[in-house]
């Protein structure tokens, strides 16, 4: 259960607007970033939302990792993204990988403002 949970709310993202809408591109990016940072991808699920007129809207997605997960949600209409990175640290300390993954993801969306939190989870008492 020992792990690190990183949460980030990104506001005023100045990345290409299509990046917040393109489900296939966003999925490939999220899987790739996990692999680049040494995490083990076990599965993934991404969903493209549509507005009332049937046009592409936000994306929600999750990459399931052997170490835990990466979740992302986009709101292109307000240029916002939420990111959720959780890694377990049972056999190895994956905290550095999680922090560097999150930092790279935040930079990719180029937000004007970031709200970020870290939560240490599952510390078992002796």
Foldseek 3Di string as FASTA:
>chain_A
DWKKKKKKKFFAFPAPLVCQFPFVNVVVVLVVLCVVLPWAFDDKDKDWDADPVRHTAGMWMWTQTPQGIWIKIGGSVRLMMMIMDMGHADPHHCPVSRVVSVVVVNVNRRGPDMDMDMDTDDDDDD
